[in-house]
Amino acid sequence: MVSKYEIEENKGTGGYCAVLEKDGQHYFADLSLLPVVGPEFMVFHSDENGNVEDWGEIMVRRPFAVTRDIFIECANEFLSSDIC
């Protein structure tokens, strides 16, 4: 599912990010290594350019690592869920 989106390295957080689209709504997804909690995948409402419109997390997961494959796995989970 996520393969059609451009996944970028997030140099500010040391992880990966992408703008996802689900049911016509855009979302900014980010997988980062946070100092206090460790790896965290978060999804926020955004515009089509990835500018976050609301910093309230729609989805949060704490996977075991920060890799491109883990990002894709978490993003696909979000896209196939009823969460939004």
Protein backbone atom coordinates (compact mmCIF):
# COMPACT_ATOMS: atom_id res chain seq x y z
CA MET A 1 0.00 0.00 0.00
CA VAL A 2 2.61 2.54 1.02
CA SER A 3 4.90 1.82 -1.93
CA LYS A 4 3.27 4.53 -4.07
CA TYR A 5 4.14 7.18 -1.48
CA GLU A 6 7.54 8.77 -1.24
CA ILE A 7 9.10 7.63 2.01
CA GLU A 8 11.83 10.02 3.08
CA GLU A 9 14.48 9.94 5.75
CA ASN A 10 13.50 12.42 8.45
CA LYS A 11 16.87 13.97 9.22
CA GLY A 12 15.41 15.94 12.12
CA THR A 13 14.25 12.84 14.00
CA GLY A 14 16.56 10.16 12.64
CA GLY A 15 13.67 8.15 11.22
CA TYR A 16 11.31 7.98 8.24
CA CYS A 17 8.25 9.93 7.15
CA ALA A 18 5.68 10.15 4.36
CA VAL A 19 2.39 11.77 3.47
CA LEU A 20 -0.33 9.11 3.25
CA GLU A 21 -3.78 9.42 1.72
CA LYS A 22 -6.80 7.54 3.00
CA ASP A 23 -10.40 8.18 1.93
CA GLY A 24 -9.42 11.55 0.42
CA GLN A 25 -7.77 12.79 3.65
CA HIS A 26 -4.02 13.36 3.94
CA TYR A 27 -1.93 12.26 6.89
CA PHE A 28 1.68 12.82 7.92
CA ALA A 29 3.25 9.61 9.22
CA ASP A 30 6.54 9.59 11.09
CA LEU A 31 8.69 6.86 12.63
CA SER A 32 11.28 8.33 14.97
CA LEU A 33 13.64 7.36 17.74
CA LEU A 34 12.52 9.49 20.68
CA PRO A 35 14.91 9.98 23.62
CA VAL A 36 12.46 9.08 26.39
CA VAL A 37 10.21 6.41 24.81
CA GLY A 38 12.39 4.89 22.07
CA PRO A 39 11.01 4.07 18.60
CA GLU A 40 7.58 5.58 17.94
CA PHE A 41 5.34 5.63 14.86
CA MET A 42 2.84 8.51 14.81
CA VAL A 43 0.15 9.66 12.36
CA PHE A 44 -1.30 13.20 12.23
CA HIS A 45 -3.87 14.99 10.04
CA SER A 46 -2.06 17.03 7.37
CA ASP A 47 -2.49 18.71 4.03
CA GLU A 48 -1.27 17.07 0.81
CA ASN A 49 2.21 18.54 1.38
CA GLY A 50 2.59 17.01 4.83
CA ASN A 51 2.00 20.20 6.80
CA VAL A 52 0.45 18.96 10.02
CA GLU A 53 -2.95 20.54 10.71
CA ASP A 54 -3.53 18.99 14.14
CA TRP A 55 -0.80 17.63 16.43
CA GLY A 56 -3.21 15.24 18.17
CA GLU A 57 -1.98 11.78 17.24
CA ILE A 58 -4.44 9.65 15.30
CA MET A 59 -2.33 6.53 15.73
CA VAL A 60 0.70 5.76 17.87
CA ARG A 61 2.69 2.52 17.83
CA ARG A 62 5.92 1.72 19.59
CA PRO A 63 7.72 -0.77 17.35
CA PHE A 64 11.02 -2.38 18.25
CA ALA A 65 13.17 -0.60 15.66
CA VAL A 66 13.40 2.40 13.33
CA THR A 67 13.74 0.96 9.82
CA ARG A 68 12.14 1.59 6.45
CA ASP A 69 10.46 -1.84 6.59
CA ILE A 70 8.96 -1.11 10.02
CA PHE A 71 7.70 2.25 8.71
CA ILE A 72 5.98 0.49 5.79
CA GLU A 73 4.48 -2.13 8.11
CA CYS A 74 3.04 0.51 10.48
CA ALA A 75 1.79 2.72 7.63
CA ASN A 76 0.05 -0.23 5.99
CA GLU A 77 -1.57 -1.08 9.34
CA PHE A 78 -2.91 2.47 9.56
CA LEU A 79 -4.13 2.53 5.93
CA SER A 80 -5.98 -0.78 6.30
CA SER A 81 -7.54 0.10 9.69
CA ASP A 82 -10.75 1.90 10.62
CA ILE A 83 -8.67 4.56 12.40
CA CYS A 84 -9.08 8.12 11.09
